[in-house]
Amino acid sequence: MFKFKPVFKKTKYITVKNTIENLPKEEEKKPNIPDGMWIKCDKCGKILYKKDLDANFKICNHCGKHYRMSAKERIDLIIDTGTFREIDTEIKTINPLVFEGYEEKVNKAKSVSKLEEAVVTGIGKLYGKDIVIGVMDGNFMMGSMGSVVGEKITRAIEKATKKNLPVILFTASGGARMQEGVISLMQMAKTSAAIARHNEAGLLYIPILTDPTTGGVTASFAMLGDLILSEPQALIGFAGQRVIEQTIKQKLPEGFQRAEFLLEHGFLDKIVNRKKLKKTLYKILEMH
């Protein structure tokens, strides 16, 4: 005869008492803190409460380090509540060079950043004054400049020229987007030409350089402002420090690509603390 193995086994129920008794002592003492509630400042080493950091415009209240912000956070920082109207949302990214895996990277970036591309452009009011604003977001493929980024910035500047409005543009980028090759590099000339026409119309253009601003963005519209502002300690440059040192065979000064060094050597007009940025921009707009 066949013997059947028992299908049902006795279940050992885990009681609260058993669970606590079986926990290692270090687990008993460890507090149950949700992930992301506290962060350690990577400049001064102080422990920061995330909600306090957000309420302080993402500035460490111990050392003043300016943490990176999203496009939405920057728009909320300087644009009057309820006045921002996004433009050119219909422009979509394609894969012009049929670069393998590019679509997947773009889709992942969309999911992570909740954006369609690495720049948001629109029209809004700053203390009641109409401006055209563009904000690059490093959460989308490190703010790299592809054809859509260049097109959106160019259209925003052209709209400002047509409506006789100033342009304020926040830069944050790792440079040109390699997946689009020379098409990406063409955006440097296109955006620069749009700024030249805006300038010829006697209109004001202010780029605000944030951490990091590098590569083709630095070599084009980031450095073409009537006044060039920056946040404290922002990394600003074209090539990386190691690349330059290997090329010229020399050791470079400490912090030579930080905003403070560039201000000292005439590349910037002013470094502005984030808390004072909106009022500073308003004063510049008033003077102009």
C-alpha atoms as a PDB file:
ATOM      1  CA  MET A   1       0.000   0.000   0.000  1.00  0.00           C
ATOM      2  CA  PHE A   2       0.989   3.567  -0.642  1.00  0.00           C
ATOM      3  CA  LYS A   3       1.644   5.756   2.352  1.00  0.00           C
ATOM      4  CA  PHE A   4       0.736   9.412   2.015  1.00  0.00           C
ATOM      5  CA  LYS A   5       2.905  12.016   3.652  1.00  0.00           C
ATOM      6  CA  PRO A   6       1.014  14.400   5.882  1.00  0.00           C
ATOM      7  CA  VAL A   7       0.026  17.474   3.920  1.00  0.00           C
ATOM      8  CA  PHE A   8      -0.698  19.695   6.887  1.00  0.00           C
ATOM      9  CA  LYS A   9       1.956  20.413   9.451  1.00  0.00           C
ATOM     10  CA  LYS A  10       1.613  21.899  12.856  1.00  0.00           C
ATOM     11  CA  THR A  11       2.215  25.611  12.697  1.00  0.00           C
ATOM     12  CA  LYS A  12       4.332  27.248  15.331  1.00  0.00           C
ATOM     13  CA  TYR A  13       2.672  30.555  16.131  1.00  0.00           C
ATOM     14  CA  ILE A  14       4.956  33.470  16.840  1.00  0.00           C
ATOM     15  CA  THR A  15       3.771  35.476  19.798  1.00  0.00           C
ATOM     16  CA  VAL A  16       4.808  39.007  20.658  1.00  0.00           C
ATOM     17  CA  LYS A  17       6.556  37.662  23.743  1.00  0.00           C
ATOM     18  CA  ASN A  18       8.551  35.110  21.727  1.00  0.00           C
ATOM     19  CA  THR A  19       9.507  37.720  19.121  1.00  0.00           C
ATOM     20  CA  ILE A  20      10.835  40.175  21.697  1.00  0.00           C
ATOM     21  CA  GLU A  21      12.672  37.483  23.634  1.00  0.00           C
ATOM     22  CA  ASN A  22      14.369  36.181  20.468  1.00  0.00           C
ATOM     23  CA  LEU A  23      15.498  39.591  19.250  1.00  0.00           C
ATOM     24  CA  PRO A  24      19.211  40.318  19.606  1.00  0.00           C
ATOM     25  CA  LYS A  25      19.869  42.854  22.352  1.00  0.00           C
ATOM     26  CA  GLU A  26      21.140  45.473  19.899  1.00  0.00           C
ATOM     27  CA  GLU A  27      17.897  45.162  17.892  1.00  0.00           C
ATOM     28  CA  GLU A  28      15.847  45.756  21.055  1.00  0.00           C
ATOM     29  CA  LYS A  29      17.660  49.041  21.709  1.00  0.00           C
ATOM     30  CA  LYS A  30      17.644  50.282  18.105  1.00  0.00           C
ATOM     31  CA  PRO A  31      14.956  52.974  17.563  1.00  0.00           C
ATOM     32  CA  ASN A  32      12.539  52.529  14.691  1.00  0.00           C
ATOM     33  CA  ILE A  33      13.334  55.631  12.586  1.00  0.00           C
ATOM     34  CA  PRO A  34      11.873  55.909   9.062  1.00  0.00           C
ATOM     35  CA  ASP A  35      14.409  56.182   6.228  1.00  0.00           C
ATOM     36  CA  GLY A  36      15.150  59.702   5.037  1.00  0.00           C
ATOM     37  CA  MET A  37      14.030  61.476   8.223  1.00  0.00           C
ATOM     38  CA  TRP A  38      17.579  62.520   9.131  1.00  0.00           C
ATOM     39  CA  ILE A  39      20.596  63.213   6.936  1.00  0.00           C
ATOM     40  CA  LYS A  40      24.243  63.863   7.693  1.00  0.00           C
ATOM     41  CA  CYS A  41      25.637  67.055   6.164  1.00  0.00           C
ATOM     42  CA  ASP A  42      28.488  66.020   3.882  1.00  0.00           C
ATOM     43  CA  LYS A  43      30.282  69.321   4.516  1.00  0.00           C
ATOM     44  CA  CYS A  44      30.186  69.862   8.301  1.00  0.00           C
ATOM     45  CA  GLY A  45      29.105  66.381   9.421  1.00  0.00           C
ATOM     46  CA  LYS A  46      26.141  67.611  11.486  1.00  0.00           C
ATOM     47  CA  ILE A  47      22.950  65.548  11.622  1.00  0.00           C
ATOM     48  CA  LEU A  48      20.046  67.428  10.044  1.00  0.00           C
ATOM     49  CA  TYR A  49      16.326  66.847  10.406  1.00  0.00           C
ATOM     50  CA  LYS A  50      15.032  66.564   6.834  1.00  0.00           C
ATOM     51  CA  LYS A  51      11.902  68.653   7.429  1.00  0.00           C
ATOM     52  CA  ASP A  52      13.958  71.437   9.020  1.00  0.00           C
ATOM     53  CA  LEU A  53      16.362  71.367   6.058  1.00  0.00           C
ATOM     54  CA  ASP A  54      13.474  71.664   3.581  1.00  0.00           C
ATOM     55  CA  ALA A  55      11.928  74.519   5.583  1.00  0.00           C
ATOM     56  CA  ASN A  56      15.307  76.306   5.493  1.00  0.00           C
ATOM     57  CA  PHE A  57      15.398  76.316   1.665  1.00  0.00           C
ATOM     58  CA  LYS A  58      17.631  73.215   1.727  1.00  0.00           C
ATOM     59  CA  ILE A  59      20.466  75.108   3.395  1.00  0.00           C
ATOM     60  CA  CYS A  60      22.399  73.554   6.288  1.00  0.00           C
ATOM     61  CA  ASN A  61      21.845  75.828   9.292  1.00  0.00           C
ATOM     62  CA  HIS A  62      25.288  74.901  10.680  1.00  0.00           C
ATOM     63  CA  CYS A  63      27.672  75.468   7.752  1.00  0.00           C
ATOM     64  CA  GLY A  64      25.477  77.100   5.085  1.00  0.00           C
ATOM     65  CA  LYS A  65      25.875  74.337   2.496  1.00  0.00           C
ATOM     66  CA  HIS A  66      23.299  74.761  -0.282  1.00  0.00           C
ATOM     67  CA  TYR A  67      21.842  71.376  -1.157  1.00  0.00           C
ATOM     68  CA  ARG A  68      20.546  70.785  -4.672  1.00  0.00           C
ATOM     69  CA  MET A  69      16.924  71.648  -5.440  1.00  0.00           C
ATOM     70  CA  SER A  70      14.448  70.344  -7.984  1.00  0.00           C
ATOM     71  CA  ALA A  71      12.989  72.533 -10.729  1.00  0.00           C
ATOM     72  CA  LYS A  72       9.690  72.794  -8.860  1.00  0.00           C
ATOM     73  CA  GLU A  73      11.417  73.868  -5.644  1.00  0.00           C
ATOM     74  CA  ARG A  74      13.332  76.601  -7.448  1.00  0.00           C
ATOM     75  CA  ILE A  75      10.203  77.894  -9.176  1.00  0.00           C
ATOM     76  CA  ASP A  76       8.415  77.996  -5.817  1.00  0.00           C
ATOM     77  CA  LEU A  77      11.436  79.848  -4.394  1.00  0.00           C
ATOM     78  CA  ILE A  78      11.266  82.915  -6.663  1.00  0.00           C
ATOM     79  CA  ILE A  79       7.932  82.900  -8.506  1.00  0.00           C
ATOM     80  CA  ASP A  80       4.848  84.384  -6.856  1.00  0.00           C
ATOM     81  CA  THR A  81       2.428  81.665  -5.768  1.00  0.00           C
ATOM     82  CA  GLY A  82      -0.083  80.692  -8.429  1.00  0.00           C
ATOM     83  CA  THR A  83       1.445  82.801 -11.234  1.00  0.00           C
ATOM     84  CA  PHE A  84       3.678  80.240 -12.988  1.00  0.00           C
ATOM     85  CA  ARG A  85       2.520  78.968 -16.380  1.00  0.00           C
ATOM     86  CA  GLU A  86       4.662  76.288 -17.995  1.00  0.00           C
ATOM     87  CA  ILE A  87       5.282  76.507 -21.746  1.00  0.00           C
ATOM     88  CA  ASP A  88       6.387  74.118 -24.513  1.00  0.00           C
ATOM     89  CA  THR A  89       5.299  71.002 -22.655  1.00  0.00           C
ATOM     90  CA  GLU A  90       4.468  69.237 -25.917  1.00  0.00           C
ATOM     91  CA  ILE A  91       8.116  68.840 -27.042  1.00  0.00           C
ATOM     92  CA  LYS A  92       9.163  65.210 -26.603  1.00  0.00           C
ATOM     93  CA  THR A  93      12.570  63.534 -26.582  1.00  0.00           C
ATOM     94  CA  ILE A  94      13.392  61.166 -29.439  1.00  0.00           C
ATOM     95  CA  ASN A  95      16.449  59.037 -30.234  1.00  0.00           C
ATOM     96  CA  PRO A  96      17.902  60.773 -33.328  1.00  0.00           C
ATOM     97  CA  LEU A  97      21.059  58.625 -33.476  1.00  0.00           C
ATOM     98  CA  VAL A  98      19.297  55.369 -32.555  1.00  0.00           C
ATOM     99  CA  PHE A  99      21.630  55.157 -29.559  1.00  0.00           C
ATOM    100  CA  GLU A 100      21.232  51.803 -27.834  1.00  0.00           C
ATOM    101  CA  GLY A 101      19.437  52.016 -24.495  1.00  0.00           C
ATOM    102  CA  TYR A 102      18.726  55.750 -24.772  1.00  0.00           C
ATOM    103  CA  GLU A 103      14.938  55.391 -24.609  1.00  0.00           C
ATOM    104  CA  GLU A 104      15.249  53.295 -21.458  1.00  0.00           C
ATOM    105  CA  LYS A 105      17.469  55.928 -19.808  1.00  0.00           C
ATOM    106  CA  VAL A 106      15.022  58.702 -20.682  1.00  0.00           C
ATOM    107  CA  ASN A 107      12.060  56.730 -19.361  1.00  0.00           C
ATOM    108  CA  LYS A 108      13.901  55.976 -16.126  1.00  0.00           C
ATOM    109  CA  ALA A 109      14.792  59.662 -15.750  1.00  0.00           C
ATOM    110  CA  LYS A 110      11.140  60.599 -16.248  1.00  0.00           C
ATOM    111  CA  SER A 111      10.119  58.167 -13.538  1.00  0.00           C
ATOM    112  CA  VAL A 112      12.748  59.390 -11.060  1.00  0.00           C
ATOM    113  CA  SER A 113      12.360  63.136 -11.635  1.00  0.00           C
ATOM    114  CA  LYS A 114       8.622  63.276 -12.488  1.00  0.00           C
ATOM    115  CA  LEU A 115       9.628  65.529 -15.400  1.00  0.00           C
ATOM    116  CA  GLU A 116       9.485  65.146 -19.166  1.00  0.00           C
ATOM    117  CA  GLU A 117      12.966  66.607 -19.686  1.00  0.00           C
ATOM    118  CA  ALA A 118      15.900  68.214 -17.864  1.00  0.00           C
ATOM    119  CA  VAL A 119      14.532  71.769 -18.047  1.00  0.00           C
ATOM    120  CA  VAL A 120      11.236  73.419 -17.139  1.00  0.00           C
ATOM    121  CA  THR A 121      10.388  76.732 -18.823  1.00  0.00           C
ATOM    122  CA  GLY A 122       7.528  79.133 -18.325  1.00  0.00           C
ATOM    123  CA  ILE A 123       6.224  82.609 -17.538  1.00  0.00           C
ATOM    124  CA  GLY A 124       5.507  83.917 -14.056  1.00  0.00           C
ATOM    125  CA  LYS A 125       5.679  86.909 -11.747  1.00  0.00           C
ATOM    126  CA  LEU A 126       8.454  87.886  -9.364  1.00  0.00           C
ATOM    127  CA  TYR A 127       6.988  90.304  -6.790  1.00  0.00           C
ATOM    128  CA  GLY A 128       4.464  91.255  -9.457  1.00  0.00           C
ATOM    129  CA  LYS A 129       6.962  91.651 -12.310  1.00  0.00           C
ATOM    130  CA  ASP A 130       6.494  89.413 -15.381  1.00  0.00           C
ATOM    131  CA  ILE A 131       9.504  87.270 -16.262  1.00  0.00           C
ATOM    132  CA  VAL A 132      10.362  84.265 -18.412  1.00  0.00           C
ATOM    133  CA  ILE A 133      12.064  81.590 -16.354  1.00  0.00           C
ATOM    134  CA  GLY A 134      13.912  78.381 -17.172  1.00  0.00           C
ATOM    135  CA  VAL A 135      15.097  75.890 -14.551  1.00  0.00           C
ATOM    136  CA  MET A 136      17.383  72.948 -15.248  1.00  0.00           C
ATOM    137  CA  ASP A 137      16.930  69.898 -13.022  1.00  0.00           C
ATOM    138  CA  GLY A 138      19.856  67.604 -12.219  1.00  0.00           C
ATOM    139  CA  ASN A 139      17.479  64.772 -11.302  1.00  0.00           C
ATOM    140  CA  PHE A 140      16.889  64.216 -15.039  1.00  0.00           C
ATOM    141  CA  MET A 141      20.045  62.606 -16.478  1.00  0.00           C
ATOM    142  CA  MET A 142      22.189  65.026 -14.459  1.00  0.00           C
ATOM    143  CA  GLY A 143      20.679  67.983 -16.314  1.00  0.00           C
ATOM    144  CA  SER A 144      22.422  66.998 -19.544  1.00  0.00           C
ATOM    145  CA  MET A 145      21.626  69.176 -22.560  1.00  0.00           C
ATOM    146  CA  GLY A 146      20.034  67.369 -25.469  1.00  0.00           C
ATOM    147  CA  SER A 147      17.995  68.688 -28.386  1.00  0.00           C
ATOM    148  CA  VAL A 148      14.827  69.150 -26.318  1.00  0.00           C
ATOM    149  CA  VAL A 149      16.611  71.077 -23.560  1.00  0.00           C
ATOM    150  CA  GLY A 150      18.206  73.383 -26.139  1.00  0.00           C
ATOM    151  CA  GLU A 151      14.922  73.835 -28.009  1.00  0.00           C
ATOM    152  CA  LYS A 152      12.926  74.652 -24.866  1.00  0.00           C
ATOM    153  CA  ILE A 153      15.486  77.202 -23.662  1.00  0.00           C
ATOM    154  CA  THR A 154      15.682  78.783 -27.126  1.00  0.00           C
ATOM    155  CA  ARG A 155      11.897  79.048 -27.410  1.00  0.00           C
ATOM    156  CA  ALA A 156      11.664  80.559 -23.923  1.00  0.00           C
ATOM    157  CA  ILE A 157      14.238  83.230 -24.807  1.00  0.00           C
ATOM    158  CA  GLU A 158      12.506  83.956 -28.121  1.00  0.00           C
ATOM    159  CA  LYS A 159       9.162  84.314 -26.330  1.00  0.00           C
ATOM    160  CA  ALA A 160      10.782  86.749 -23.893  1.00  0.00           C
ATOM    161  CA  THR A 161      12.181  88.761 -26.804  1.00  0.00           C
ATOM    162  CA  LYS A 162       8.769  88.906 -28.462  1.00  0.00           C
ATOM    163  CA  LYS A 163       7.014  89.973 -25.232  1.00  0.00           C
ATOM    164  CA  ASN A 164       9.824  92.329 -24.089  1.00  0.00           C
ATOM    165  CA  LEU A 165      10.421  90.367 -20.905  1.00  0.00           C
ATOM    166  CA  PRO A 166      13.570  89.604 -18.898  1.00  0.00           C
ATOM    167  CA  VAL A 167      14.869  86.027 -18.729  1.00  0.00           C
ATOM    168  CA  ILE A 168      16.064  84.314 -15.551  1.00  0.00           C
ATOM    169  CA  LEU A 169      17.657  80.933 -16.112  1.00  0.00           C
ATOM    170  CA  PHE A 170      18.865  78.477 -13.455  1.00  0.00           C
ATOM    171  CA  THR A 171      21.643  76.239 -14.746  1.00  0.00           C
ATOM    172  CA  ALA A 172      22.461  72.781 -13.364  1.00  0.00           C
ATOM    173  CA  SER A 173      24.089  70.388 -15.802  1.00  0.00           C
ATOM    174  CA  GLY A 174      26.712  67.761 -16.440  1.00  0.00           C
ATOM    175  CA  GLY A 175      27.084  69.137 -19.984  1.00  0.00           C
ATOM    176  CA  ALA A 176      26.044  67.981 -23.453  1.00  0.00           C
ATOM    177  CA  ARG A 177      24.108  64.715 -23.730  1.00  0.00           C
ATOM    178  CA  MET A 178      26.419  62.180 -25.346  1.00  0.00           C
ATOM    179  CA  GLN A 179      23.534  60.011 -26.626  1.00  0.00           C
ATOM    180  CA  GLU A 180      22.645  62.782 -29.097  1.00  0.00           C
ATOM    181  CA  GLY A 181      26.175  63.499 -30.289  1.00  0.00           C
ATOM    182  CA  VAL A 182      26.666  66.580 -32.475  1.00  0.00           C
ATOM    183  CA  ILE A 183      22.929  67.384 -32.280  1.00  0.00           C
ATOM    184  CA  SER A 184      23.463  68.060 -28.586  1.00  0.00           C
ATOM    185  CA  LEU A 185      26.498  70.248 -29.281  1.00  0.00           C
ATOM    186  CA  MET A 186      24.459  72.306 -31.767  1.00  0.00           C
ATOM    187  CA  GLN A 187      22.282  73.503 -28.884  1.00  0.00           C
ATOM    188  CA  MET A 188      25.193  75.604 -27.616  1.00  0.00           C
ATOM    189  CA  ALA A 189      25.132  77.764 -30.739  1.00  0.00           C
ATOM    190  CA  LYS A 190      21.331  77.832 -30.969  1.00  0.00           C
ATOM    191  CA  THR A 191      20.772  79.037 -27.404  1.00  0.00           C
ATOM    192  CA  SER A 192      23.618  81.565 -27.697  1.00  0.00           C
ATOM    193  CA  ALA A 193      22.114  83.043 -30.873  1.00  0.00           C
ATOM    194  CA  ALA A 194      18.735  83.430 -29.153  1.00  0.00           C
ATOM    195  CA  ILE A 195      20.410  85.256 -26.242  1.00  0.00           C
ATOM    196  CA  ALA A 196      22.197  87.569 -28.696  1.00  0.00           C
ATOM    197  CA  ARG A 197      18.868  88.571 -30.279  1.00  0.00           C
ATOM    198  CA  HIS A 198      17.368  89.084 -26.813  1.00  0.00           C
ATOM    199  CA  ASN A 199      20.332  91.310 -25.920  1.00  0.00           C
ATOM    200  CA  GLU A 200      20.006  93.326 -29.143  1.00  0.00           C
ATOM    201  CA  ALA A 201      16.438  94.113 -28.118  1.00  0.00           C
ATOM    202  CA  GLY A 202      17.817  95.745 -24.957  1.00  0.00           C
ATOM    203  CA  LEU A 203      16.385  93.105 -22.629  1.00  0.00           C
ATOM    204  CA  LEU A 204      17.809  91.656 -19.434  1.00  0.00           C
ATOM    205  CA  TYR A 205      19.152  88.103 -19.130  1.00  0.00           C
ATOM    206  CA  ILE A 206      20.327  86.706 -15.770  1.00  0.00           C
ATOM    207  CA  PRO A 207      21.732  83.180 -15.482  1.00  0.00           C
ATOM    208  CA  ILE A 208      21.957  81.769 -11.950  1.00  0.00           C
ATOM    209  CA  LEU A 209      24.650  79.101 -11.769  1.00  0.00           C
ATOM    210  CA  THR A 210      23.905  76.283  -9.326  1.00  0.00           C
ATOM    211  CA  ASP A 211      25.798  73.153  -8.359  1.00  0.00           C
ATOM    212  CA  PRO A 212      26.971  71.734 -10.726  1.00  0.00           C
ATOM    213  CA  THR A 213      27.173  73.788 -13.925  1.00  0.00           C
ATOM    214  CA  THR A 214      29.653  72.157 -16.303  1.00  0.00           C
ATOM    215  CA  GLY A 215      30.460  71.244 -19.903  1.00  0.00           C
ATOM    216  CA  GLY A 216      28.600  72.699 -22.862  1.00  0.00           C
ATOM    217  CA  VAL A 217      26.143  74.610 -20.672  1.00  0.00           C
ATOM    218  CA  THR A 218      29.020  76.534 -19.077  1.00  0.00           C
ATOM    219  CA  ALA A 219      30.495  77.133 -22.529  1.00  0.00           C
ATOM    220  CA  SER A 220      27.270  78.663 -23.842  1.00  0.00           C
ATOM    221  CA  PHE A 221      24.222  80.253 -22.202  1.00  0.00           C
ATOM    222  CA  ALA A 222      25.473  79.986 -18.589  1.00  0.00           C
ATOM    223  CA  MET A 223      28.190  82.589 -19.207  1.00  0.00           C
ATOM    224  CA  LEU A 224      26.315  85.002 -21.483  1.00  0.00           C
ATOM    225  CA  GLY A 225      24.307  86.924 -18.902  1.00  0.00           C
ATOM    226  CA  ASP A 226      24.155  90.667 -18.431  1.00  0.00           C
ATOM    227  CA  LEU A 227      24.700  89.809 -14.775  1.00  0.00           C
ATOM    228  CA  ILE A 228      25.892  86.344 -13.776  1.00  0.00           C
ATOM    229  CA  LEU A 229      24.860  85.153 -10.324  1.00  0.00           C
ATOM    230  CA  SER A 230      25.740  81.968  -8.481  1.00  0.00           C
ATOM    231  CA  GLU A 231      24.875  80.071  -5.338  1.00  0.00           C
ATOM    232  CA  PRO A 232      27.617  79.612  -2.700  1.00  0.00           C
ATOM    233  CA  GLN A 233      30.153  76.836  -3.318  1.00  0.00           C
ATOM    234  CA  ALA A 234      28.602  75.865  -6.670  1.00  0.00           C
ATOM    235  CA  LEU A 235      30.857  73.747  -8.900  1.00  0.00           C
ATOM    236  CA  ILE A 236      31.323  75.645 -12.168  1.00  0.00           C
ATOM    237  CA  GLY A 237      33.622  74.664 -15.010  1.00  0.00           C
ATOM    238  CA  PHE A 238      34.011  73.110 -18.427  1.00  0.00           C
ATOM    239  CA  ALA A 239      36.210  70.013 -18.039  1.00  0.00           C
ATOM    240  CA  GLY A 240      36.845  68.229 -14.750  1.00  0.00           C
ATOM    241  CA  GLN A 241      39.810  69.077 -12.543  1.00  0.00           C
ATOM    242  CA  ARG A 242      41.617  65.768 -13.132  1.00  0.00           C
ATOM    243  CA  VAL A 243      41.230  66.077 -16.911  1.00  0.00           C
ATOM    244  CA  ILE A 244      42.719  69.581 -16.865  1.00  0.00           C
ATOM    245  CA  GLU A 245      45.611  68.577 -14.609  1.00  0.00           C
ATOM    246  CA  GLN A 246      46.446  65.614 -16.826  1.00  0.00           C
ATOM    247  CA  THR A 247      46.346  67.860 -19.904  1.00  0.00           C
ATOM    248  CA  ILE A 248      48.470  70.772 -18.650  1.00  0.00           C
ATOM    249  CA  LYS A 249      50.638  68.604 -16.330  1.00  0.00           C
ATOM    250  CA  GLN A 250      50.178  71.057 -13.459  1.00  0.00           C
ATOM    251  CA  LYS A 251      48.514  71.004 -10.058  1.00  0.00           C
ATOM    252  CA  LEU A 252      45.534  73.342  -9.908  1.00  0.00           C
ATOM    253  CA  PRO A 253      44.653  75.608  -6.933  1.00  0.00           C
ATOM    254  CA  GLU A 254      42.317  74.235  -4.271  1.00  0.00           C
ATOM    255  CA  GLY A 255      38.677  74.981  -5.102  1.00  0.00           C
ATOM    256  CA  PHE A 256      39.515  76.613  -8.429  1.00  0.00           C
ATOM    257  CA  GLN A 257      36.172  75.565  -9.933  1.00  0.00           C
ATOM    258  CA  ARG A 258      34.041  76.790  -7.023  1.00  0.00           C
ATOM    259  CA  ALA A 259      31.916  79.933  -7.203  1.00  0.00           C
ATOM    260  CA  GLU A 260      34.090  81.863  -4.721  1.00  0.00           C
ATOM    261  CA  PHE A 261      37.239  81.347  -6.815  1.00  0.00           C
ATOM    262  CA  LEU A 262      35.420  82.374  -9.993  1.00  0.00           C
ATOM    263  CA  LEU A 263      34.029  85.521  -8.344  1.00  0.00           C
ATOM    264  CA  GLU A 264      37.515  86.481  -7.230  1.00  0.00           C
ATOM    265  CA  HIS A 265      38.788  86.085 -10.811  1.00  0.00           C
ATOM    266  CA  GLY A 266      35.975  87.998 -12.517  1.00  0.00           C
ATOM    267  CA  PHE A 267      33.865  85.180 -13.967  1.00  0.00           C
ATOM    268  CA  LEU A 268      30.853  85.978 -11.758  1.00  0.00           C
ATOM    269  CA  ASP A 269      29.187  89.212 -10.692  1.00  0.00           C
ATOM    270  CA  LYS A 270      27.755  88.080  -7.365  1.00  0.00           C
ATOM    271  CA  ILE A 271      27.263  85.041  -5.133  1.00  0.00           C
ATOM    272  CA  VAL A 272      23.809  85.143  -3.565  1.00  0.00           C
ATOM    273  CA  ASN A 273      22.506  83.152  -0.631  1.00  0.00           C
ATOM    274  CA  ARG A 274      19.328  81.313  -1.606  1.00  0.00           C
ATOM    275  CA  LYS A 275      17.316  83.059   1.109  1.00  0.00           C
ATOM    276  CA  LYS A 276      18.123  86.458  -0.413  1.00  0.00           C
ATOM    277  CA  LEU A 277      17.827  85.466  -4.063  1.00  0.00           C
ATOM    278  CA  LYS A 278      14.264  86.610  -4.785  1.00  0.00           C
ATOM    279  CA  LYS A 279      14.818  90.066  -3.284  1.00  0.00           C
ATOM    280  CA  THR A 280      18.164  90.414  -5.082  1.00  0.00           C
ATOM    281  CA  LEU A 281      16.562  89.572  -8.423  1.00  0.00           C
ATOM    282  CA  TYR A 282      13.738  92.036  -7.758  1.00  0.00           C
ATOM    283  CA  LYS A 283      16.242  94.850  -7.080  1.00  0.00           C
ATOM    284  CA  ILE A 284      18.073  94.059 -10.351  1.00  0.00           C
ATOM    285  CA  LEU A 285      14.794  94.048 -12.286  1.00  0.00           C
ATOM    286  CA  GLU A 286      13.847  97.394 -10.689  1.00  0.00           C
ATOM    287  CA  MET A 287      17.182  98.976 -11.654  1.00  0.00           C
ATOM    288  CA  HIS A 288      16.930  97.704 -15.209  1.00  0.00           C
END
